[in-house]
Amino acid sequence: MNSCKSLKEQVVAHWQRMHDGAPGVFKSREERPYNLHCAYCLAYKINNCRDCPIMIVSGQSTCRGTPYNIARDAWQAYQESGWAKEYKADWQIAAVKMIEFLKGLPDEGEEPKA
């Protein structure tokens, strides 16, 4: 990941690439909705998500209380279908909800909005 971008920018860009389905994105092992591919998880998971902006806003670890689980499940259904078109819309709708959630997170060092 690009260290010049903020963690938030990296995470949003990752989800946007997955949503857009750029050529080869789903065959890439770096573009999946799992913690091994998330800049926030790589930075904060070692401390049980403490100080992760997602946890600060949701109040829960491992992205519970966010659109993540629905998006991950939609992605898995899309993948398991062999990338069938009938699953793509559900995935993209769920991904947009996650992207919107991520964009609303405070930047590093910024206090969450009440």
N, C-alpha and C. Protein backbone atom coordinates (compact mmCIF):
# COMPACT_ATOMS: atom_id res chain seq x y z
N MET A 1 0.83 -1.19 0.00
CA MET A 1 0.00 0.00 0.00
C MET A 1 0.87 1.24 0.00
N ASN A 2 0.33 2.29 -0.53
CA ASN A 2 1.08 3.53 -0.68
C ASN A 2 1.16 4.26 0.66
N SER A 3 2.37 4.38 1.19
CA SER A 3 2.54 5.01 2.50
C SER A 3 2.34 6.52 2.44
N CYS A 4 2.28 7.12 1.24
CA CYS A 4 2.04 8.56 1.13
C CYS A 4 0.58 8.90 1.37
N LYS A 5 -0.30 7.95 1.15
CA LYS A 5 -1.72 8.18 1.39
C LYS A 5 -2.03 7.87 2.84
N SER A 6 -3.03 8.55 3.38
CA SER A 6 -3.46 8.25 4.74
C SER A 6 -4.07 6.85 4.75
N LEU A 7 -4.14 6.26 5.93
CA LEU A 7 -4.78 4.95 6.05
C LEU A 7 -6.21 5.00 5.53
N LYS A 8 -6.93 6.06 5.88
CA LYS A 8 -8.31 6.20 5.42
C LYS A 8 -8.37 6.23 3.90
N GLU A 9 -7.51 6.99 3.27
CA GLU A 9 -7.48 7.05 1.80
C GLU A 9 -7.17 5.68 1.20
N GLN A 10 -6.27 4.94 1.83
CA GLN A 10 -5.93 3.60 1.35
C GLN A 10 -7.12 2.65 1.45
N VAL A 11 -7.82 2.71 2.59
CA VAL A 11 -8.96 1.81 2.79
C VAL A 11 -10.08 2.16 1.82
N VAL A 12 -10.39 3.43 1.68
CA VAL A 12 -11.45 3.85 0.75
C VAL A 12 -11.07 3.45 -0.68
N ALA A 13 -9.83 3.67 -1.07
CA ALA A 13 -9.39 3.32 -2.43
C ALA A 13 -9.48 1.81 -2.66
N HIS A 14 -9.14 1.03 -1.65
CA HIS A 14 -9.24 -0.44 -1.75
C HIS A 14 -10.69 -0.86 -2.01
N TRP A 15 -11.60 -0.32 -1.22
CA TRP A 15 -13.02 -0.67 -1.40
C TRP A 15 -13.55 -0.15 -2.74
N GLN A 16 -13.08 1.00 -3.16
CA GLN A 16 -13.53 1.54 -4.45
C GLN A 16 -13.04 0.66 -5.59
N ARG A 17 -11.80 0.19 -5.52
CA ARG A 17 -11.29 -0.72 -6.56
C ARG A 17 -12.10 -2.01 -6.60
N MET A 18 -12.43 -2.53 -5.42
CA MET A 18 -13.24 -3.75 -5.38
C MET A 18 -14.62 -3.48 -5.97
N HIS A 19 -15.23 -2.36 -5.61
CA HIS A 19 -16.54 -2.00 -6.14
C HIS A 19 -16.51 -1.88 -7.65
N ASP A 20 -15.49 -1.18 -8.16
CA ASP A 20 -15.41 -0.92 -9.60
C ASP A 20 -15.06 -2.17 -10.40
N GLY A 21 -14.47 -3.15 -9.74
CA GLY A 21 -14.12 -4.38 -10.43
C GLY A 21 -13.14 -4.17 -11.56
N ALA A 22 -12.13 -3.36 -11.32
CA ALA A 22 -11.10 -3.10 -12.33
C ALA A 22 -10.56 -4.44 -12.85
N PRO A 23 -10.09 -4.47 -14.10
CA PRO A 23 -9.60 -5.73 -14.68
C PRO A 23 -8.63 -6.45 -13.75
N GLY A 24 -8.93 -7.69 -13.49
CA GLY A 24 -8.07 -8.52 -12.66
C GLY A 24 -8.22 -8.31 -11.17
N VAL A 25 -9.08 -7.37 -10.76
CA VAL A 25 -9.17 -7.04 -9.34
C VAL A 25 -9.61 -8.24 -8.51
N PHE A 26 -10.50 -9.06 -9.02
CA PHE A 26 -10.98 -10.18 -8.21
C PHE A 26 -10.03 -11.36 -8.23
N LYS A 27 -9.14 -11.40 -9.19
CA LYS A 27 -8.14 -12.46 -9.20
C LYS A 27 -6.94 -12.07 -8.35
N SER A 28 -6.83 -10.80 -8.04
CA SER A 28 -5.74 -10.31 -7.20
C SER A 28 -5.97 -10.76 -5.77
N ARG A 29 -4.93 -11.22 -5.16
CA ARG A 29 -5.05 -11.63 -3.75
C ARG A 29 -4.97 -10.42 -2.82
N GLU A 30 -4.76 -9.23 -3.37
CA GLU A 30 -4.67 -8.03 -2.56
C GLU A 30 -5.98 -7.26 -2.52
N GLU A 31 -6.95 -7.64 -3.30
CA GLU A 31 -8.21 -6.92 -3.39
C GLU A 31 -9.36 -7.80 -2.96
N ARG A 32 -9.44 -8.04 -1.68
CA ARG A 32 -10.52 -8.85 -1.11
C ARG A 32 -11.00 -8.17 0.17
N PRO A 33 -12.26 -8.39 0.53
CA PRO A 33 -12.79 -7.72 1.72
C PRO A 33 -12.48 -8.45 3.01
N TYR A 34 -11.20 -8.66 3.25
CA TYR A 34 -10.77 -9.36 4.46
C TYR A 34 -9.70 -8.53 5.17
N ASN A 35 -9.49 -8.85 6.44
CA ASN A 35 -8.58 -8.03 7.24
C ASN A 35 -7.14 -8.04 6.74
N LEU A 36 -6.74 -9.06 6.03
CA LEU A 36 -5.37 -9.08 5.49
C LEU A 36 -5.15 -8.05 4.40
N HIS A 37 -6.24 -7.45 3.90
CA HIS A 37 -6.17 -6.52 2.79
C HIS A 37 -6.57 -5.10 3.19
N CYS A 38 -6.80 -4.90 4.45
CA CYS A 38 -7.28 -3.61 4.96
C CYS A 38 -6.16 -2.87 5.68
N ALA A 39 -5.90 -1.65 5.25
CA ALA A 39 -4.83 -0.86 5.89
C ALA A 39 -5.13 -0.60 7.36
N TYR A 40 -6.40 -0.38 7.71
CA TYR A 40 -6.74 -0.19 9.12
C TYR A 40 -6.44 -1.46 9.91
N CYS A 41 -6.87 -2.61 9.39
CA CYS A 41 -6.63 -3.87 10.11
C CYS A 41 -5.14 -4.14 10.28
N LEU A 42 -4.39 -3.89 9.24
CA LEU A 42 -2.95 -4.11 9.32
C LEU A 42 -2.32 -3.21 10.37
N ALA A 43 -2.86 -2.02 10.53
CA ALA A 43 -2.31 -1.07 11.51
C ALA A 43 -2.82 -1.30 12.93
N TYR A 44 -4.08 -1.73 13.08
CA TYR A 44 -4.70 -1.75 14.41
C TYR A 44 -5.09 -3.12 14.93
N LYS A 45 -5.18 -4.13 14.11
CA LYS A 45 -5.67 -5.44 14.55
C LYS A 45 -4.79 -6.05 15.63
N ILE A 46 -3.50 -5.78 15.58
CA ILE A 46 -2.57 -6.34 16.56
C ILE A 46 -2.97 -5.94 18.00
N ASN A 47 -3.64 -4.79 18.12
CA ASN A 47 -4.09 -4.30 19.43
C ASN A 47 -5.59 -4.49 19.60
N ASN A 48 -6.13 -5.56 19.00
CA ASN A 48 -7.57 -5.83 19.09
C ASN A 48 -8.40 -4.66 18.61
N CYS A 49 -7.92 -4.01 17.57
CA CYS A 49 -8.61 -2.90 16.90
C CYS A 49 -8.62 -1.60 17.71
N ARG A 50 -7.97 -1.58 18.87
CA ARG A 50 -7.94 -0.37 19.68
C ARG A 50 -7.36 0.78 18.87
N ASP A 51 -7.99 1.91 18.92
CA ASP A 51 -7.61 3.13 18.21
C ASP A 51 -7.95 3.11 16.73
N CYS A 52 -8.52 2.02 16.23
CA CYS A 52 -8.95 1.99 14.83
C CYS A 52 -10.14 2.94 14.68
N PRO A 53 -10.13 3.80 13.67
CA PRO A 53 -11.24 4.73 13.48
C PRO A 53 -12.59 4.03 13.34
N ILE A 54 -12.60 2.84 12.75
CA ILE A 54 -13.86 2.10 12.62
C ILE A 54 -14.38 1.70 13.99
N MET A 55 -13.51 1.19 14.84
CA MET A 55 -13.92 0.80 16.19
C MET A 55 -14.31 2.01 17.02
N ILE A 56 -13.60 3.10 16.86
CA ILE A 56 -13.94 4.31 17.62
C ILE A 56 -15.36 4.75 17.29
N VAL A 57 -15.74 4.69 16.02
CA VAL A 57 -17.08 5.12 15.61
C VAL A 57 -18.14 4.07 15.95
N SER A 58 -17.85 2.79 15.67
CA SER A 58 -18.86 1.74 15.87
C SER A 58 -18.93 1.27 17.32
N GLY A 59 -17.83 1.43 18.05
CA GLY A 59 -17.79 0.95 19.43
C GLY A 59 -17.58 -0.55 19.52
N GLN A 60 -17.30 -1.19 18.37
CA GLN A 60 -17.14 -2.64 18.34
C GLN A 60 -15.90 -3.01 17.53
N SER A 61 -15.29 -4.13 17.89
CA SER A 61 -14.11 -4.58 17.15
C SER A 61 -14.53 -5.38 15.91
N THR A 62 -13.56 -5.67 15.09
CA THR A 62 -13.70 -6.47 13.86
C THR A 62 -14.84 -5.99 12.96
N CYS A 63 -15.01 -4.70 12.90
CA CYS A 63 -15.95 -4.03 11.99
C CYS A 63 -17.42 -4.37 12.23
N ARG A 64 -17.71 -4.93 13.40
CA ARG A 64 -19.12 -5.15 13.75
C ARG A 64 -19.78 -3.79 13.92
N GLY A 65 -21.05 -3.73 13.64
CA GLY A 65 -21.78 -2.47 13.75
C GLY A 65 -21.56 -1.55 12.56
N THR A 66 -21.03 -2.10 11.47
CA THR A 66 -20.78 -1.34 10.24
C THR A 66 -21.38 -2.12 9.06
N PRO A 67 -21.36 -1.56 7.87
CA PRO A 67 -21.84 -2.30 6.69
C PRO A 67 -20.91 -3.44 6.24
N TYR A 68 -19.81 -3.64 6.94
CA TYR A 68 -18.80 -4.59 6.49
C TYR A 68 -19.33 -6.02 6.31
N ASN A 69 -19.99 -6.58 7.30
CA ASN A 69 -20.39 -7.99 7.21
C ASN A 69 -21.33 -8.24 6.04
N ILE A 70 -22.24 -7.33 5.79
CA ILE A 70 -23.15 -7.48 4.65
C ILE A 70 -22.36 -7.40 3.35
N ALA A 71 -21.41 -6.47 3.28
CA ALA A 71 -20.59 -6.32 2.07
C ALA A 71 -19.73 -7.56 1.85
N ARG A 72 -19.11 -8.05 2.91
CA ARG A 72 -18.27 -9.25 2.79
C ARG A 72 -19.10 -10.45 2.32
N ASP A 73 -20.28 -10.62 2.90
CA ASP A 73 -21.15 -11.74 2.51
C ASP A 73 -21.61 -11.61 1.07
N ALA A 74 -21.90 -10.38 0.62
CA ALA A 74 -22.31 -10.16 -0.77
C ALA A 74 -21.15 -10.46 -1.72
N TRP A 75 -19.93 -10.08 -1.32
CA TRP A 75 -18.76 -10.37 -2.13
C TRP A 75 -18.55 -11.88 -2.24
N GLN A 76 -18.70 -12.58 -1.10
CA GLN A 76 -18.50 -14.03 -1.12
C GLN A 76 -19.54 -14.72 -2.00
N ALA A 77 -20.79 -14.27 -1.94
CA ALA A 77 -21.83 -14.84 -2.80
C ALA A 77 -21.51 -14.58 -4.27
N TYR A 78 -21.04 -13.38 -4.56
CA TYR A 78 -20.67 -13.01 -5.93
C TYR A 78 -19.50 -13.90 -6.40
N GLN A 79 -18.50 -14.07 -5.55
CA GLN A 79 -17.35 -14.91 -5.89
C GLN A 79 -17.78 -16.37 -6.09
N GLU A 80 -18.55 -16.89 -5.14
CA GLU A 80 -18.97 -18.29 -5.21
C GLU A 80 -19.86 -18.58 -6.42
N SER A 81 -20.51 -17.54 -6.94
CA SER A 81 -21.36 -17.71 -8.13
C SER A 81 -20.54 -17.74 -9.41
N GLY A 82 -19.22 -17.54 -9.29
CA GLY A 82 -18.38 -17.45 -10.48
C GLY A 82 -18.50 -16.08 -11.12
N TRP A 83 -18.79 -15.07 -10.30
CA TRP A 83 -18.93 -13.67 -10.72
C TRP A 83 -20.14 -13.49 -11.63
N ALA A 84 -21.23 -14.21 -11.30
CA ALA A 84 -22.46 -14.12 -12.08
C ALA A 84 -23.09 -12.75 -11.94
N LYS A 85 -23.60 -12.22 -13.05
CA LYS A 85 -24.16 -10.87 -13.06
C LYS A 85 -25.27 -10.67 -12.04
N GLU A 86 -26.07 -11.70 -11.78
CA GLU A 86 -27.18 -11.53 -10.85
C GLU A 86 -26.74 -11.26 -9.41
N TYR A 87 -25.48 -11.51 -9.10
CA TYR A 87 -24.95 -11.23 -7.76
C TYR A 87 -24.20 -9.90 -7.71
N LYS A 88 -23.86 -9.36 -8.86
CA LYS A 88 -23.04 -8.15 -8.91
C LYS A 88 -23.73 -6.95 -8.27
N ALA A 89 -25.01 -6.77 -8.54
CA ALA A 89 -25.72 -5.60 -8.00
C ALA A 89 -25.74 -5.61 -6.47
N ASP A 90 -26.01 -6.78 -5.89
CA ASP A 90 -26.01 -6.87 -4.42
C ASP A 90 -24.64 -6.50 -3.86
N TRP A 91 -23.59 -7.01 -4.50
CA TRP A 91 -22.23 -6.69 -4.07
C TRP A 91 -21.98 -5.20 -4.18
N GLN A 92 -22.32 -4.60 -5.30
CA GLN A 92 -22.00 -3.19 -5.50
C GLN A 92 -22.79 -2.29 -4.55
N ILE A 93 -24.04 -2.61 -4.29
CA ILE A 93 -24.84 -1.83 -3.34
C ILE A 93 -24.20 -1.91 -1.95
N ALA A 94 -23.82 -3.12 -1.54
CA ALA A 94 -23.19 -3.30 -0.22
C ALA A 94 -21.84 -2.59 -0.16
N ALA A 95 -21.08 -2.65 -1.24
CA ALA A 95 -19.77 -1.99 -1.26
C ALA A 95 -19.93 -0.47 -1.16
N VAL A 96 -20.93 0.09 -1.83
CA VAL A 96 -21.18 1.54 -1.75
C VAL A 96 -21.50 1.93 -0.32
N LYS A 97 -22.28 1.14 0.38
CA LYS A 97 -22.60 1.45 1.78
C LYS A 97 -21.34 1.44 2.64
N MET A 98 -20.45 0.50 2.37
CA MET A 98 -19.20 0.44 3.13
C MET A 98 -18.32 1.63 2.79
N ILE A 99 -18.23 1.98 1.51
CA ILE A 99 -17.43 3.12 1.09
C ILE A 99 -17.95 4.41 1.73
N GLU A 100 -19.27 4.59 1.73
CA GLU A 100 -19.86 5.78 2.35
C GLU A 100 -19.55 5.83 3.84
N PHE A 101 -19.64 4.68 4.51
CA PHE A 101 -19.30 4.60 5.92
C PHE A 101 -17.84 5.00 6.14
N LEU A 102 -16.96 4.45 5.34
CA LEU A 102 -15.53 4.74 5.48
C LEU A 102 -15.22 6.21 5.24
N LYS A 103 -15.84 6.79 4.24
CA LYS A 103 -15.61 8.21 3.94
C LYS A 103 -16.06 9.10 5.09
N GLY A 104 -17.03 8.65 5.86
CA GLY A 104 -17.53 9.43 6.98
C GLY A 104 -16.71 9.30 8.25
N LEU A 105 -15.71 8.43 8.24
CA LEU A 105 -14.86 8.26 9.42
C LEU A 105 -13.97 9.46 9.61
N PRO A 106 -13.60 9.73 10.86
CA PRO A 106 -12.66 10.84 11.09
C PRO A 106 -11.30 10.48 10.51
N ASP A 107 -10.58 11.49 10.08
CA ASP A 107 -9.20 11.27 9.64
C ASP A 107 -8.35 10.98 10.88
N GLU A 108 -7.19 10.39 10.67
CA GLU A 108 -6.31 10.08 11.78
C GLU A 108 -6.06 11.35 12.60
N GLY A 109 -6.24 11.23 13.91
CA GLY A 109 -6.01 12.36 14.80
C GLY A 109 -7.21 13.29 14.96
N GLU A 110 -8.25 13.06 14.18
CA GLU A 110 -9.46 13.90 14.25
C GLU A 110 -10.46 13.23 15.17
N GLU A 111 -11.18 14.01 15.92
CA GLU A 111 -12.21 13.48 16.80
C GLU A 111 -13.43 13.05 16.00
N PRO A 112 -14.08 11.94 16.39
CA PRO A 112 -15.30 11.51 15.69
C PRO A 112 -16.40 12.55 15.85
N LYS A 113 -17.23 12.65 14.82
CA LYS A 113 -18.37 13.58 14.86
C LYS A 113 -19.49 12.93 15.66
N ALA A 114 -20.11 13.73 16.48
CA ALA A 114 -21.20 13.21 17.33
C ALA A 114 -22.47 13.03 16.55
